[in-house]
Amino acid sequence: MERPAPYEAGFPHTVTVHVFRGSVGARQQDVVVGEGRAMVFVPRDEVLNRDLAVTTAAVLPLHLGSPGETH
């Protein structure tokens, strides 16, 4: 089964990506997780320095705006 993928040169397909954004008043110490990797809040100025998925790397900067901008 072929999975949808973001645009890549040489591959003639289109994918619609739906992006949802929200905010929380939680702090790191409020986060409780069970098994698996821990969820962490990443500071805004560090998030784009992470190893991101292709689609995330393309879409996330559009939602972050400039450093002084609030959403």
PDB file of N, CA and C in Angstrom:
ATOM      1  N   MET A   1       0.837  -1.177   0.000  1.00  0.00           N
ATOM      2  CA  MET A   1       0.000   0.000   0.000  1.00  0.00           C
ATOM      3  C   MET A   1       0.887   1.247   0.000  1.00  0.00           C
ATOM      4  N   GLU A   2       0.643   2.143  -0.916  1.00  0.00           N
ATOM      5  CA  GLU A   2       1.437   3.357  -1.023  1.00  0.00           C
ATOM      6  C   GLU A   2       0.874   4.431  -0.090  1.00  0.00           C
ATOM      7  N   ARG A   3       1.755   5.060   0.672  1.00  0.00           N
ATOM      8  CA  ARG A   3       1.329   6.106   1.607  1.00  0.00           C
ATOM      9  C   ARG A   3       1.457   7.483   0.954  1.00  0.00           C
ATOM     10  N   PRO A   4       0.587   8.431   1.334  1.00  0.00           N
ATOM     11  CA  PRO A   4       0.742   9.802   0.836  1.00  0.00           C
ATOM     12  C   PRO A   4       2.077  10.381   1.304  1.00  0.00           C
ATOM     13  N   ALA A   5       2.650  11.257   0.506  1.00  0.00           N
ATOM     14  CA  ALA A   5       3.927  11.876   0.859  1.00  0.00           C
ATOM     15  C   ALA A   5       3.889  13.341   0.452  1.00  0.00           C
ATOM     16  N   PRO A   6       4.666  14.194   1.114  1.00  0.00           N
ATOM     17  CA  PRO A   6       4.733  15.587   0.691  1.00  0.00           C
ATOM     18  C   PRO A   6       5.415  15.690  -0.665  1.00  0.00           C
ATOM     19  N   TYR A   7       5.323  16.859  -1.286  1.00  0.00           N
ATOM     20  CA  TYR A   7       5.908  17.046  -2.608  1.00  0.00           C
ATOM     21  C   TYR A   7       7.399  16.761  -2.590  1.00  0.00           C
ATOM     22  N   GLU A   8       7.838  16.004  -3.563  1.00  0.00           N
ATOM     23  CA  GLU A   8       9.259  15.746  -3.777  1.00  0.00           C
ATOM     24  C   GLU A   8       9.509  15.840  -5.271  1.00  0.00           C
ATOM     25  N   ALA A   9      10.565  16.521  -5.662  1.00  0.00           N
ATOM     26  CA  ALA A   9      10.888  16.665  -7.084  1.00  0.00           C
ATOM     27  C   ALA A   9      10.981  15.292  -7.739  1.00  0.00           C
ATOM     28  N   GLY A  10      10.374  15.150  -8.891  1.00  0.00           N
ATOM     29  CA  GLY A  10      10.432  13.888  -9.617  1.00  0.00           C
ATOM     30  C   GLY A  10       9.279  12.945  -9.319  1.00  0.00           C
ATOM     31  N   PHE A  11       8.465  13.247  -8.332  1.00  0.00           N
ATOM     32  CA  PHE A  11       7.318  12.398  -7.994  1.00  0.00           C
ATOM     33  C   PHE A  11       6.042  13.187  -8.241  1.00  0.00           C
ATOM     34  N   PRO A  12       5.291  12.816  -9.286  1.00  0.00           N
ATOM     35  CA  PRO A  12       4.105  13.584  -9.672  1.00  0.00           C
ATOM     36  C   PRO A  12       2.865  13.260  -8.827  1.00  0.00           C
ATOM     37  N   HIS A  13       2.833  13.742  -7.625  1.00  0.00           N
ATOM     38  CA  HIS A  13       1.640  13.539  -6.817  1.00  0.00           C
ATOM     39  C   HIS A  13       1.375  14.777  -5.970  1.00  0.00           C
ATOM     40  N   THR A  14       0.148  14.938  -5.560  1.00  0.00           N
ATOM     41  CA  THR A  14      -0.257  16.054  -4.728  1.00  0.00           C
ATOM     42  C   THR A  14      -0.850  15.509  -3.442  1.00  0.00           C
ATOM     43  N   VAL A  15      -0.519  16.126  -2.346  1.00  0.00           N
ATOM     44  CA  VAL A  15      -1.053  15.714  -1.050  1.00  0.00           C
ATOM     45  C   VAL A  15      -1.609  16.951  -0.358  1.00  0.00           C
ATOM     46  N   THR A  16      -2.795  16.834   0.170  1.00  0.00           N
ATOM     47  CA  THR A  16      -3.377  17.912   0.958  1.00  0.00           C
ATOM     48  C   THR A  16      -2.986  17.686   2.409  1.00  0.00           C
ATOM     49  N   VAL A  17      -2.430  18.708   3.026  1.00  0.00           N
ATOM     50  CA  VAL A  17      -2.006  18.609   4.419  1.00  0.00           C
ATOM     51  C   VAL A  17      -2.904  19.505   5.253  1.00  0.00           C
ATOM     52  N   HIS A  18      -3.496  18.949   6.298  1.00  0.00           N
ATOM     53  CA  HIS A  18      -4.325  19.715   7.226  1.00  0.00           C
ATOM     54  C   HIS A  18      -3.492  19.967   8.473  1.00  0.00           C
ATOM     55  N   VAL A  19      -3.401  21.224   8.877  1.00  0.00           N
ATOM     56  CA  VAL A  19      -2.586  21.592  10.028  1.00  0.00           C
ATOM     57  C   VAL A  19      -3.496  22.174  11.095  1.00  0.00           C
ATOM     58  N   PHE A  20      -3.347  21.680  12.304  1.00  0.00           N
ATOM     59  CA  PHE A  20      -4.122  22.176  13.428  1.00  0.00           C
ATOM     60  C   PHE A  20      -3.169  22.738  14.460  1.00  0.00           C
ATOM     61  N   ARG A  21      -3.536  23.858  15.030  1.00  0.00           N
ATOM     62  CA  ARG A  21      -2.665  24.500  16.004  1.00  0.00           C
ATOM     63  C   ARG A  21      -3.500  24.889  17.211  1.00  0.00           C
ATOM     64  N   GLY A  22      -2.894  24.798  18.373  1.00  0.00           N
ATOM     65  CA  GLY A  22      -3.574  25.200  19.594  1.00  0.00           C
ATOM     66  C   GLY A  22      -2.549  25.650  20.612  1.00  0.00           C
ATOM     67  N   SER A  23      -3.027  26.150  21.712  1.00  0.00           N
ATOM     68  CA  SER A  23      -2.117  26.558  22.768  1.00  0.00           C
ATOM     69  C   SER A  23      -2.616  25.997  24.096  1.00  0.00           C
ATOM     70  N   VAL A  24      -1.705  25.862  25.014  1.00  0.00           N
ATOM     71  CA  VAL A  24      -2.042  25.344  26.336  1.00  0.00           C
ATOM     72  C   VAL A  24      -1.378  26.212  27.393  1.00  0.00           C
ATOM     73  N   GLY A  25      -1.925  26.177  28.566  1.00  0.00           N
ATOM     74  CA  GLY A  25      -1.328  26.905  29.680  1.00  0.00           C
ATOM     75  C   GLY A  25      -0.461  25.991  30.530  1.00  0.00           C
ATOM     76  N   ALA A  26      -0.259  24.775  30.068  1.00  0.00           N
ATOM     77  CA  ALA A  26       0.511  23.791  30.832  1.00  0.00           C
ATOM     78  C   ALA A  26       1.993  24.145  30.846  1.00  0.00           C
ATOM     79  N   ARG A  27       2.660  23.679  31.870  1.00  0.00           N
ATOM     80  CA  ARG A  27       4.113  23.822  31.985  1.00  0.00           C
ATOM     81  C   ARG A  27       4.715  22.419  31.924  1.00  0.00           C
ATOM     82  N   GLN A  28       6.019  22.340  31.747  1.00  0.00           N
ATOM     83  CA  GLN A  28       6.672  21.040  31.624  1.00  0.00           C
ATOM     84  C   GLN A  28       6.339  20.136  32.810  1.00  0.00           C
ATOM     85  N   GLN A  29       6.316  20.676  34.004  1.00  0.00           N
ATOM     86  CA  GLN A  29       6.041  19.853  35.193  1.00  0.00           C
ATOM     87  C   GLN A  29       4.590  19.360  35.236  1.00  0.00           C
ATOM     88  N   ASP A  30       3.705  19.915  34.402  1.00  0.00           N
ATOM     89  CA  ASP A  30       2.317  19.466  34.336  1.00  0.00           C
ATOM     90  C   ASP A  30       2.140  18.246  33.440  1.00  0.00           C
ATOM     91  N   VAL A  31       3.142  17.940  32.626  1.00  0.00           N
ATOM     92  CA  VAL A  31       3.034  16.857  31.652  1.00  0.00           C
ATOM     93  C   VAL A  31       3.282  15.510  32.326  1.00  0.00           C
ATOM     94  N   VAL A  32       2.312  14.608  32.175  1.00  0.00           N
ATOM     95  CA  VAL A  32       2.441  13.258  32.706  1.00  0.00           C
ATOM     96  C   VAL A  32       2.266  12.304  31.538  1.00  0.00           C
ATOM     97  N   VAL A  33       3.258  11.460  31.291  1.00  0.00           N
ATOM     98  CA  VAL A  33       3.169  10.493  30.200  1.00  0.00           C
ATOM     99  C   VAL A  33       3.354   9.093  30.748  1.00  0.00           C
ATOM    100  N   GLY A  34       2.838   8.136  30.009  1.00  0.00           N
ATOM    101  CA  GLY A  34       2.998   6.739  30.403  1.00  0.00           C
ATOM    102  C   GLY A  34       4.219   6.148  29.735  1.00  0.00           C
ATOM    103  N   GLU A  35       4.035   5.021  29.064  1.00  0.00           N
ATOM    104  CA  GLU A  35       5.144   4.338  28.413  1.00  0.00           C
ATOM    105  C   GLU A  35       5.649   5.132  27.205  1.00  0.00           C
ATOM    106  N   GLY A  36       6.869   4.863  26.825  1.00  0.00           N
ATOM    107  CA  GLY A  36       7.419   5.479  25.618  1.00  0.00           C
ATOM    108  C   GLY A  36       8.232   6.720  25.912  1.00  0.00           C
ATOM    109  N   ARG A  37       8.497   7.466  24.848  1.00  0.00           N
ATOM    110  CA  ARG A  37       9.304   8.677  24.966  1.00  0.00           C
ATOM    111  C   ARG A  37       8.514   9.776  25.655  1.00  0.00           C
ATOM    112  N   ALA A  38       9.205  10.592  26.393  1.00  0.00           N
ATOM    113  CA  ALA A  38       8.568  11.692  27.100  1.00  0.00           C
ATOM    114  C   ALA A  38       8.204  12.822  26.144  1.00  0.00           C
ATOM    115  N   MET A  39       7.115  13.492  26.434  1.00  0.00           N
ATOM    116  CA  MET A  39       6.743  14.673  25.681  1.00  0.00           C
ATOM    117  C   MET A  39       7.388  15.870  26.362  1.00  0.00           C
ATOM    118  N   VAL A  40       8.009  16.723  25.591  1.00  0.00           N
ATOM    119  CA  VAL A  40       8.632  17.916  26.163  1.00  0.00           C
ATOM    120  C   VAL A  40       8.193  19.150  25.385  1.00  0.00           C
ATOM    121  N   PHE A  41       8.108  20.265  26.081  1.00  0.00           N
ATOM    122  CA  PHE A  41       7.856  21.538  25.427  1.00  0.00           C
ATOM    123  C   PHE A  41       9.196  22.057  24.940  1.00  0.00           C
ATOM    124  N   VAL A  42       9.264  22.435  23.670  1.00  0.00           N
ATOM    125  CA  VAL A  42      10.510  22.925  23.086  1.00  0.00           C
ATOM    126  C   VAL A  42      10.397  24.443  22.946  1.00  0.00           C
ATOM    127  N   PRO A  43      11.377  25.190  23.431  1.00  0.00           N
ATOM    128  CA  PRO A  43      11.327  26.647  23.272  1.00  0.00           C
ATOM    129  C   PRO A  43      11.224  27.037  21.798  1.00  0.00           C
ATOM    130  N   ARG A  44      10.440  28.066  21.534  1.00  0.00           N
ATOM    131  CA  ARG A  44      10.167  28.516  20.161  1.00  0.00           C
ATOM    132  C   ARG A  44      11.445  28.731  19.355  1.00  0.00           C
ATOM    133  N   ASP A  45      12.471  29.319  19.980  1.00  0.00           N
ATOM    134  CA  ASP A  45      13.696  29.621  19.236  1.00  0.00           C
ATOM    135  C   ASP A  45      14.560  28.386  18.982  1.00  0.00           C
ATOM    136  N   GLU A  46      14.174  27.228  19.525  1.00  0.00           N
ATOM    137  CA  GLU A  46      14.932  25.990  19.318  1.00  0.00           C
ATOM    138  C   GLU A  46      14.211  24.976  18.433  1.00  0.00           C
ATOM    139  N   VAL A  47      12.919  25.162  18.207  1.00  0.00           N
ATOM    140  CA  VAL A  47      12.114  24.128  17.554  1.00  0.00           C
ATOM    141  C   VAL A  47      12.557  23.826  16.119  1.00  0.00           C
ATOM    142  N   LEU A  48      12.973  24.837  15.361  1.00  0.00           N
ATOM    143  CA  LEU A  48      13.375  24.591  13.971  1.00  0.00           C
ATOM    144  C   LEU A  48      14.767  23.993  13.854  1.00  0.00           C
ATOM    145  N   ASN A  49      15.475  23.896  14.970  1.00  0.00           N
ATOM    146  CA  ASN A  49      16.801  23.260  14.977  1.00  0.00           C
ATOM    147  C   ASN A  49      16.708  21.757  15.223  1.00  0.00           C
ATOM    148  N   ARG A  50      15.508  21.249  15.382  1.00  0.00           N
ATOM    149  CA  ARG A  50      15.293  19.818  15.631  1.00  0.00           C
ATOM    150  C   ARG A  50      15.271  19.035  14.333  1.00  0.00           C
ATOM    151  N   ASP A  51      15.403  17.715  14.436  1.00  0.00           N
ATOM    152  CA  ASP A  51      15.299  16.824  13.276  1.00  0.00           C
ATOM    153  C   ASP A  51      13.808  16.627  13.009  1.00  0.00           C
ATOM    154  N   LEU A  52      13.266  17.370  12.045  1.00  0.00           N
ATOM    155  CA  LEU A  52      11.831  17.376  11.782  1.00  0.00           C
ATOM    156  C   LEU A  52      11.489  16.549  10.555  1.00  0.00           C
ATOM    157  N   ALA A  53      10.279  16.022  10.532  1.00  0.00           N
ATOM    158  CA  ALA A  53       9.772  15.337   9.343  1.00  0.00           C
ATOM    159  C   ALA A  53       9.674  16.352   8.205  1.00  0.00           C
ATOM    160  N   VAL A  54       9.707  15.888   6.977  1.00  0.00           N
ATOM    161  CA  VAL A  54       9.710  16.755   5.800  1.00  0.00           C
ATOM    162  C   VAL A  54       8.529  17.727   5.817  1.00  0.00           C
ATOM    163  N   THR A  55       7.332  17.224   6.032  1.00  0.00           N
ATOM    164  CA  THR A  55       6.148  18.080   6.025  1.00  0.00           C
ATOM    165  C   THR A  55       6.186  19.065   7.185  1.00  0.00           C
ATOM    166  N   THR A  56       6.608  18.624   8.345  1.00  0.00           N
ATOM    167  CA  THR A  56       6.701  19.504   9.506  1.00  0.00           C
ATOM    168  C   THR A  56       7.685  20.631   9.240  1.00  0.00           C
ATOM    169  N   ALA A  57       8.824  20.316   8.667  1.00  0.00           N
ATOM    170  CA  ALA A  57       9.836  21.332   8.358  1.00  0.00           C
ATOM    171  C   ALA A  57       9.309  22.362   7.356  1.00  0.00           C
ATOM    172  N   ALA A  58       8.418  21.955   6.467  1.00  0.00           N
ATOM    173  CA  ALA A  58       7.863  22.874   5.474  1.00  0.00           C
ATOM    174  C   ALA A  58       6.752  23.745   6.054  1.00  0.00           C
ATOM    175  N   VAL A  59       5.931  23.183   6.932  1.00  0.00           N
ATOM    176  CA  VAL A  59       4.738  23.875   7.415  1.00  0.00           C
ATOM    177  C   VAL A  59       4.984  24.663   8.705  1.00  0.00           C
ATOM    178  N   LEU A  60       5.771  24.149   9.602  1.00  0.00           N
ATOM    179  CA  LEU A  60       5.947  24.775  10.920  1.00  0.00           C
ATOM    180  C   LEU A  60       6.427  26.224  10.859  1.00  0.00           C
ATOM    181  N   PRO A  61       7.404  26.568  10.017  1.00  0.00           N
ATOM    182  CA  PRO A  61       7.829  27.972   9.959  1.00  0.00           C
ATOM    183  C   PRO A  61       6.701  28.930   9.556  1.00  0.00           C
ATOM    184  N   LEU A  62       5.744  28.457   8.781  1.00  0.00           N
ATOM    185  CA  LEU A  62       4.612  29.294   8.378  1.00  0.00           C
ATOM    186  C   LEU A  62       3.727  29.641   9.562  1.00  0.00           C
ATOM    187  N   HIS A  63       3.680  28.768  10.547  1.00  0.00           N
ATOM    188  CA  HIS A  63       2.830  28.976  11.720  1.00  0.00           C
ATOM    189  C   HIS A  63       3.555  29.667  12.863  1.00  0.00           C
ATOM    190  N   LEU A  64       4.861  29.648  12.839  1.00  0.00           N
ATOM    191  CA  LEU A  64       5.601  30.297  13.915  1.00  0.00           C
ATOM    192  C   LEU A  64       5.722  31.801  13.693  1.00  0.00           C
ATOM    193  N   GLY A  65       5.795  32.224  12.435  1.00  0.00           N
ATOM    194  CA  GLY A  65       5.950  33.641  12.150  1.00  0.00           C
ATOM    195  C   GLY A  65       7.313  34.132  12.602  1.00  0.00           C
ATOM    196  N   SER A  66       7.429  35.417  12.776  1.00  0.00           N
ATOM    197  CA  SER A  66       8.701  35.990  13.216  1.00  0.00           C
ATOM    198  C   SER A  66       8.841  35.841  14.731  1.00  0.00           C
ATOM    199  N   PRO A  67      10.071  35.858  15.249  1.00  0.00           N
ATOM    200  CA  PRO A  67      10.314  35.621  16.671  1.00  0.00           C
ATOM    201  C   PRO A  67       9.518  36.523  17.613  1.00  0.00           C
ATOM    202  N   GLY A  68       9.266  37.777  17.266  1.00  0.00           N
ATOM    203  CA  GLY A  68       8.539  38.679  18.153  1.00  0.00           C
ATOM    204  C   GLY A  68       7.029  38.599  18.014  1.00  0.00           C
ATOM    205  N   GLU A  69       6.566  37.854  17.041  1.00  0.00           N
ATOM    206  CA  GLU A  69       5.132  37.763  16.742  1.00  0.00           C
ATOM    207  C   GLU A  69       4.473  36.773  17.690  1.00  0.00           C
ATOM    208  N   THR A  70       3.278  37.078  18.133  1.00  0.00           N
ATOM    209  CA  THR A  70       2.523  36.140  18.968  1.00  0.00           C
ATOM    210  C   THR A  70       1.315  35.658  18.189  1.00  0.00           C
ATOM    211  N   HIS A  71       0.927  34.412  18.409  1.00  0.00           N
ATOM    212  CA  HIS A  71      -0.224  33.820  17.720  1.00  0.00           C
ATOM    213  C   HIS A  71      -1.254  33.398  18.732  1.00  0.00           C
TER     214      HIS A  71
END
